[in-house]
Amino acid sequence: MNNLKAQFEGFYNTPALFETLNDIRQFEFEAIEYKKHDYAKFEILQKLPLGKRVEYFFEEYIKLSNRYNLIYKNIQVIENKNTLGELDFILFDKKTQLYLHTELVYKFYLYDNSFNEEINRYIGPNRDDTLLKKLEKLKTKQFPLLFRDETKNYIDIDLKNVFQNSCFKANIFLPYKKDVKTSLINKSCIKGFHINIIEFLKLPEFKEYKYFLPHRYDWILDASSSTTWKNYGEIQEEIQVFLDLKKSPLVWLKSQTDYKVFFITWW
């Protein structure tokens, strides 16, 4: 499926992960009228990955907003043929009369309660990404890049009149049937659960349901979007392909009463 309208709505409706975390402020994502928008104008390639898709969706949101103007986007700062980094978006906020340097982040994090501190517990499905690592990158690399001398060759704004923030949207998955308490994040971001493949195969309740493995760029959609479902035996084969590659697939589950979203992990 390649439903750009549904994907945009999935991005738009994904909650912000926090208001302020590690001194990073959240972009003020205000309501817009989008349901009658002409999505046929989206120029997005079929195979464009989810990370790049949400950049287009955020840009489209800005165009539909009455509050923000887009000034620059995806500015690569290069010096002596070396790329120093990239600025996601420079906006002008008509409400505050400030320029905004906004870094866009859209993540899927699995909660791992084996760590002592909560800030360390939000980890990417394949163990190669963490919330803490992303916050540190924003503070130490992406935000300081705006003020480097080399960046002045690429943008022309009043740097004394600029505010930096992140549009940080995320989907959080908690351990299956474990009591977890979260205090750092917006609980509205909790989307589903995660479960190890051994436990998934061991528990008899999972044999009763229907399943579907969406493409990564459809992870942003609701599980009810699928019209094709497979049984427990059929989906095991698809899941194993990902696990053999050390990839944790996102799975949609359909029961007689509702839908669920979860990750099956190899770790």
Protein backbone atom coordinates (compact mmCIF):
# COMPACT_ATOMS: atom_id res chain seq x y z
CA MET A 1 0.00 0.00 0.00
CA ASN A 2 1.19 3.53 -0.73
CA ASN A 3 -1.53 5.75 0.70
CA LEU A 4 0.06 9.19 1.04
CA LYS A 5 -3.04 10.72 2.61
CA ALA A 6 -3.14 8.08 5.34
CA GLN A 7 0.62 8.34 5.85
CA PHE A 8 0.43 12.12 6.22
CA GLU A 9 -2.43 11.75 8.72
CA GLY A 10 -0.41 9.13 10.60
CA PHE A 11 2.50 11.56 10.88
CA TYR A 12 0.23 14.47 11.79
CA ASN A 13 -1.55 12.51 14.53
CA THR A 14 1.58 11.00 16.09
CA PRO A 15 2.03 12.80 19.43
CA ALA A 16 5.13 14.71 20.46
CA LEU A 17 7.35 12.59 22.69
CA PHE A 18 7.90 15.38 25.23
CA GLU A 19 7.49 19.10 25.89
CA THR A 20 11.02 19.66 27.19
CA LEU A 21 13.61 16.94 27.70
CA ASN A 22 17.34 17.40 28.41
CA ASP A 23 16.81 21.14 27.81
CA ILE A 24 15.47 20.49 24.32
CA ARG A 25 12.18 22.24 23.64
CA GLN A 26 9.40 20.82 21.50
CA PHE A 27 8.12 22.46 18.34
CA GLU A 28 4.59 23.82 18.82
CA PHE A 29 2.56 21.59 16.51
CA GLU A 30 -0.76 23.38 16.15
CA ALA A 31 -3.96 22.07 14.56
CA ILE A 32 -4.48 22.63 10.85
CA GLU A 33 -7.25 21.81 8.38
CA TYR A 34 -5.89 18.93 6.33
CA LYS A 35 -8.71 16.50 5.56
CA LYS A 36 -9.70 18.25 2.30
CA HIS A 37 -6.12 18.74 1.16
CA ASP A 38 -5.16 17.60 -2.37
CA TYR A 39 -2.60 14.87 -1.70
CA ALA A 40 -2.19 14.22 -5.41
CA LYS A 41 0.27 17.11 -5.39
CA PHE A 42 2.68 15.21 -3.16
CA GLU A 43 5.80 14.45 -5.18
CA ILE A 44 7.04 11.44 -3.23
CA LEU A 45 8.69 8.49 -4.90
CA GLN A 46 7.18 5.07 -4.25
CA LYS A 47 10.36 3.73 -2.62
CA LEU A 48 11.22 6.81 -0.57
CA PRO A 49 11.95 5.59 3.00
CA LEU A 50 9.89 6.64 6.00
CA GLY A 51 12.51 9.04 7.37
CA LYS A 52 12.51 11.07 4.15
CA ARG A 53 8.73 10.83 3.79
CA VAL A 54 8.13 12.54 7.12
CA GLU A 55 10.33 15.43 5.96
CA TYR A 56 7.89 15.97 3.09
CA PHE A 57 4.95 15.60 5.47
CA PHE A 58 6.39 18.19 7.86
CA GLU A 59 7.03 20.57 4.99
CA GLU A 60 3.44 20.09 3.83
CA TYR A 61 2.24 20.81 7.36
CA ILE A 62 4.18 24.08 7.34
CA LYS A 63 2.60 25.05 4.02
CA LEU A 64 -0.86 24.41 5.46
CA SER A 65 -0.09 26.30 8.67
CA ASN A 66 -1.10 29.92 9.17
CA ARG A 67 1.56 30.39 11.82
CA TYR A 68 4.81 29.33 10.14
CA ASN A 69 6.68 30.26 6.96
CA LEU A 70 9.29 27.96 5.45
CA ILE A 71 12.60 29.80 4.93
CA TYR A 72 15.13 27.00 4.31
CA LYS A 73 15.07 23.21 4.34
CA ASN A 74 17.70 20.46 4.26
CA ILE A 75 20.68 22.79 4.20
CA GLN A 76 23.90 20.81 3.88
CA VAL A 77 26.88 22.71 5.27
CA ILE A 78 30.02 21.80 3.32
CA GLU A 79 33.51 23.15 3.82
CA ASN A 80 36.48 22.04 1.67
CA LYS A 81 34.39 19.18 0.28
CA ASN A 82 33.68 17.91 3.81
CA THR A 83 30.06 17.80 4.96
CA LEU A 84 29.89 19.33 8.44
CA GLY A 85 26.21 18.51 8.90
CA GLU A 86 22.69 19.39 7.81
CA LEU A 87 20.06 21.80 9.08
CA ASP A 88 16.58 20.31 8.70
CA PHE A 89 14.32 23.38 8.68
CA ILE A 90 14.59 27.13 9.17
CA LEU A 91 11.14 28.62 9.72
CA PHE A 92 9.69 31.97 10.67
CA ASP A 93 7.16 31.94 13.48
CA LYS A 94 4.67 34.76 12.89
CA LYS A 95 3.27 34.35 16.41
CA THR A 96 6.56 34.94 18.24
CA GLN A 97 8.30 36.88 15.43
CA LEU A 98 11.26 34.53 15.79
CA TYR A 99 13.19 32.42 13.33
CA LEU A 100 13.07 28.75 14.25
CA HIS A 101 15.75 26.18 13.65
CA THR A 102 13.70 22.98 13.86
CA GLU A 103 15.20 19.52 13.71
CA LEU A 104 12.65 16.88 12.70
CA VAL A 105 12.73 13.51 14.47
CA TYR A 106 10.32 10.60 13.94
CA LYS A 107 11.17 7.47 15.90
CA PHE A 108 10.07 4.02 17.02
CA TYR A 109 11.48 3.10 20.43
CA LEU A 110 11.21 -0.13 22.41
CA TYR A 111 11.28 0.24 26.19
CA ASP A 112 14.04 -1.88 27.76
CA ASN A 113 13.67 -1.93 31.54
CA SER A 114 17.01 -3.67 32.05
CA PHE A 115 18.62 -0.21 32.31
CA ASN A 116 18.65 1.61 35.65
CA GLU A 117 17.70 5.07 34.40
CA GLU A 118 14.60 5.67 32.31
CA ILE A 119 16.38 7.96 29.82
CA ASN A 120 18.47 4.94 28.72
CA ARG A 121 15.51 2.62 28.23
CA TYR A 122 14.19 3.90 24.89
CA ILE A 123 15.99 1.91 22.21
CA GLY A 124 15.44 1.38 18.48
CA PRO A 125 14.02 -1.97 17.34
CA ASN A 126 17.41 -3.13 16.05
CA ARG A 127 19.44 -1.91 19.05
CA ASP A 128 21.35 0.60 16.90
CA ASP A 129 19.58 3.76 18.03
CA THR A 130 18.55 5.28 21.36
CA LEU A 131 16.62 8.30 22.58
CA LEU A 132 19.58 9.47 24.65
CA LYS A 133 21.94 9.23 21.67
CA LYS A 134 19.55 11.31 19.55
CA LEU A 135 19.12 13.98 22.24
CA GLU A 136 22.90 14.27 22.63
CA LYS A 137 23.35 14.57 18.86
CA LEU A 138 20.81 17.39 18.74
CA LYS A 139 22.54 19.30 21.55
CA THR A 140 26.17 18.73 20.58
CA LYS A 141 26.08 18.61 16.76
CA GLN A 142 22.86 19.64 15.05
CA PHE A 143 21.97 22.75 17.06
CA PRO A 144 25.56 24.15 17.28
CA LEU A 145 25.92 23.78 13.49
CA LEU A 146 23.63 26.79 13.00
CA PHE A 147 26.17 29.10 14.64
CA ARG A 148 29.33 27.89 12.91
CA ASP A 149 31.07 30.40 10.67
CA GLU A 150 30.81 28.01 7.72
CA THR A 151 27.00 28.00 7.96
CA LYS A 152 26.83 31.75 7.23
CA ASN A 153 27.62 30.91 3.59
CA TYR A 154 24.34 28.97 3.31
CA ILE A 155 21.72 30.93 5.23
CA ASP A 156 20.91 34.59 5.77
CA ILE A 157 18.88 35.15 8.94
CA ASP A 158 19.27 37.14 12.12
CA LEU A 159 21.00 34.65 14.42
CA LYS A 160 20.21 36.87 17.41
CA ASN A 161 16.53 36.33 16.69
CA VAL A 162 16.42 32.54 16.41
CA PHE A 163 14.99 29.80 18.63
CA GLN A 164 16.04 26.15 18.35
CA ASN A 165 13.72 23.21 18.93
CA SER A 166 12.84 19.75 17.67
CA CYS A 167 9.66 18.38 16.21
CA PHE A 168 10.19 15.07 17.99
CA LYS A 169 7.39 12.60 17.32
CA ALA A 170 7.68 8.98 18.45
CA ASN A 171 5.93 5.66 18.92
CA ILE A 172 6.77 3.75 22.11
CA PHE A 173 6.44 -0.01 22.59
CA LEU A 174 6.46 -1.52 26.08
CA PRO A 175 7.48 -5.06 27.11
CA TYR A 176 4.64 -7.54 26.68
CA LYS A 177 2.48 -7.83 29.81
CA LYS A 178 5.03 -6.20 32.11
CA ASP A 179 4.28 -3.44 34.58
CA VAL A 180 6.16 -0.39 33.37
CA LYS A 181 6.12 3.15 34.76
CA THR A 182 7.19 6.02 32.53
CA SER A 183 7.69 9.60 33.70
CA LEU A 184 9.85 11.27 31.05
CA ILE A 185 7.65 10.84 28.01
CA ASN A 186 4.18 11.68 26.79
CA LYS A 187 2.16 8.54 27.55
CA SER A 188 0.02 9.19 24.47
CA CYS A 189 3.03 7.98 22.45
CA ILE A 190 2.65 4.42 23.76
CA LYS A 191 1.56 2.53 20.65
CA GLY A 192 1.90 -1.16 21.50
CA PHE A 193 4.21 -3.81 22.90
CA HIS A 194 7.32 -5.76 22.00
CA ILE A 195 8.05 -9.43 22.53
CA ASN A 196 11.02 -11.72 21.90
CA ILE A 197 10.55 -14.35 19.16
CA ILE A 198 11.03 -17.21 21.63
CA GLU A 199 8.27 -15.95 23.88
CA PHE A 200 6.03 -15.22 20.89
CA LEU A 201 6.30 -18.82 19.70
CA LYS A 202 5.86 -20.20 23.20
CA LEU A 203 2.63 -18.41 24.15
CA PRO A 204 -0.51 -20.18 22.85
CA GLU A 205 -2.69 -17.03 22.65
CA PHE A 206 -0.83 -15.77 19.59
CA LYS A 207 -1.89 -18.80 17.54
CA GLU A 208 -5.48 -17.52 17.44
CA TYR A 209 -4.90 -14.24 15.58
CA LYS A 210 -4.36 -12.95 12.04
CA TYR A 211 -1.24 -11.00 11.09
CA PHE A 212 0.25 -8.62 8.56
CA LEU A 213 3.78 -7.22 8.17
CA PRO A 214 3.55 -3.69 6.76
CA HIS A 215 6.33 -2.11 4.72
CA ARG A 216 8.43 0.25 6.82
CA TYR A 217 6.92 3.36 5.24
CA ASP A 218 3.49 2.11 6.33
CA TRP A 219 4.55 1.69 9.97
CA ILE A 220 3.05 5.13 10.41
CA LEU A 221 -0.46 3.81 9.67
CA ASP A 222 -3.05 2.13 11.88
CA ALA A 223 -3.22 -1.66 11.82
CA SER A 224 -6.82 -1.44 10.59
CA SER A 225 -5.40 -0.17 7.27
CA SER A 226 -4.59 -3.69 6.12
CA THR A 227 -7.05 -5.69 4.03
CA THR A 228 -4.75 -8.72 3.74
CA TRP A 229 -4.16 -11.00 6.71
CA LYS A 230 -2.21 -14.21 7.28
CA ASN A 231 -2.50 -16.90 9.89
CA TYR A 232 0.01 -17.74 12.61
CA GLY A 233 1.90 -20.33 10.58
CA GLU A 234 2.16 -18.18 7.45
CA ILE A 235 3.43 -15.11 9.28
CA GLN A 236 6.18 -17.05 11.06
CA GLU A 237 7.99 -17.53 7.76
CA GLU A 238 7.92 -13.80 6.98
CA ILE A 239 9.04 -12.88 10.48
CA GLN A 240 12.00 -15.25 10.36
CA VAL A 241 13.37 -13.57 7.23
CA PHE A 242 13.75 -10.33 9.19
CA LEU A 243 15.10 -12.00 12.32
CA ASP A 244 17.81 -13.79 10.32
CA LEU A 245 19.01 -10.32 9.25
CA LYS A 246 18.98 -9.06 12.87
CA LYS A 247 15.93 -6.91 12.07
CA SER A 248 12.95 -6.67 14.41
CA PRO A 249 9.78 -6.45 12.29
CA LEU A 250 6.73 -4.41 13.19
CA VAL A 251 3.62 -6.61 13.12
CA TRP A 252 -0.07 -5.81 12.87
CA LEU A 253 -2.38 -8.18 14.73
CA LYS A 254 -6.10 -8.66 14.17
CA SER A 255 -8.32 -10.35 16.74
CA GLN A 256 -12.08 -10.81 16.71
CA THR A 257 -12.52 -7.54 18.60
CA ASP A 258 -9.65 -5.16 17.77
CA TYR A 259 -6.21 -4.54 16.27
CA LYS A 260 -2.80 -4.33 17.91
CA VAL A 261 0.67 -3.21 16.83
CA PHE A 262 3.86 -4.78 18.16
CA PHE A 263 7.48 -5.63 17.44
CA ILE A 264 8.98 -9.10 17.47
CA THR A 265 12.61 -8.88 18.53
CA TRP A 266 15.62 -11.04 17.83
CA TRP A 267 17.41 -9.89 20.98
